[in-house]
Amino acid sequence: MLNITKILSLGIVIVLAHLLGRRSKVPLPFILIGLGMLFSGFPLYLNLTFNPDLFTFLIIAPLMYIEAKGASRYWIGR
């Protein structure tokens, strides 16, 4: 149950950051970094660990796929 609470609260923070990013002139990544630093001090997240392999599989691999899909074959062959 605690993991569900953590995931839901992080999702709510992401949605709030997106809404703040639309209304302010501050770029969204800066807002997300600031809120992440703020939330890292909460007792709920003090012992939160994240597997680097999971990050690579879920975040880096799709980003690389999207970037490769949009790359021009002409520029790759040069």
Protein backbone atom coordinates (compact mmCIF):
# COMPACT_ATOMS: atom_id res chain seq x y z
CA MET A 1 0.00 0.00 0.00
CA LEU A 2 2.91 2.34 0.72
CA ASN A 3 4.31 1.88 -2.78
CA ILE A 4 0.96 2.81 -4.31
CA THR A 5 0.92 5.96 -2.18
CA LYS A 6 4.41 6.89 -3.37
CA ILE A 7 3.56 6.33 -7.02
CA LEU A 8 0.28 8.25 -6.81
CA SER A 9 1.87 11.18 -5.02
CA LEU A 10 4.68 11.35 -7.60
CA GLY A 11 2.08 11.28 -10.37
CA ILE A 12 0.18 14.13 -8.74
CA VAL A 13 3.40 16.13 -8.46
CA ILE A 14 4.12 15.59 -12.15
CA VAL A 15 0.65 16.79 -13.10
CA LEU A 16 0.99 19.85 -10.85
CA ALA A 17 4.40 20.62 -12.33
CA HIS A 18 2.94 20.42 -15.81
CA LEU A 19 0.16 22.84 -14.85
CA LEU A 20 2.69 25.20 -13.26
CA GLY A 21 4.85 25.01 -16.37
CA ARG A 22 1.98 26.12 -18.56
CA ARG A 23 1.20 29.13 -16.38
CA SER A 24 4.73 30.32 -15.70
CA LYS A 25 7.67 31.27 -17.86
CA VAL A 26 9.94 28.80 -16.06
CA PRO A 27 10.77 25.74 -18.20
CA LEU A 28 9.13 22.48 -17.11
CA PRO A 29 12.41 20.60 -16.42
CA PHE A 30 13.42 23.28 -13.89
CA ILE A 31 10.07 22.99 -12.16
CA LEU A 32 10.37 19.19 -12.03
CA ILE A 33 13.91 19.40 -10.62
CA GLY A 34 12.80 21.86 -7.96
CA LEU A 35 9.80 19.78 -6.93
CA GLY A 36 11.98 16.66 -6.90
CA MET A 37 14.43 18.34 -4.55
CA LEU A 38 11.55 19.49 -2.36
CA PHE A 39 9.97 16.03 -2.20
CA SER A 40 13.27 14.28 -1.50
CA GLY A 41 13.20 15.74 2.01
CA PHE A 42 9.81 14.27 2.90
CA PRO A 43 9.97 11.29 5.29
CA LEU A 44 8.01 9.14 2.83
CA TYR A 45 10.83 9.38 0.27
CA LEU A 46 13.94 9.28 2.49
CA ASN A 47 14.56 5.55 1.93
CA LEU A 48 13.44 5.45 -1.69
CA THR A 49 15.86 3.49 -3.86
CA PHE A 50 15.77 3.20 -7.63
CA ASN A 51 17.39 0.43 -9.64
CA PRO A 52 19.68 1.92 -12.35
CA ASP A 53 18.96 -1.01 -14.66
CA LEU A 54 15.26 -0.25 -14.45
CA PHE A 55 15.95 3.39 -15.30
CA THR A 56 18.00 2.35 -18.32
CA PHE A 57 15.31 -0.03 -19.52
CA LEU A 58 12.29 2.22 -18.93
CA ILE A 59 13.69 5.68 -19.69
CA ILE A 60 16.89 5.59 -21.74
CA ALA A 61 15.96 2.79 -24.16
CA PRO A 62 12.67 4.37 -25.35
CA LEU A 63 14.37 7.77 -25.72
CA MET A 64 17.12 6.23 -27.84
CA TYR A 65 14.52 4.38 -29.95
CA ILE A 66 12.53 7.55 -30.61
CA GLU A 67 15.70 9.46 -31.50
CA ALA A 68 16.91 6.70 -33.84
CA LYS A 69 13.50 6.46 -35.51
CA GLY A 70 13.57 10.15 -36.36
CA ALA A 71 17.17 10.17 -37.59
CA SER A 72 17.85 10.61 -41.28
CA ARG A 73 19.55 7.69 -43.01
CA TYR A 74 21.48 10.18 -45.08
CA TRP A 75 23.14 11.70 -42.00
CA ILE A 76 23.78 8.31 -40.44
CA GLY A 77 25.63 7.07 -43.53
CA ARG A 78 27.96 10.06 -43.74
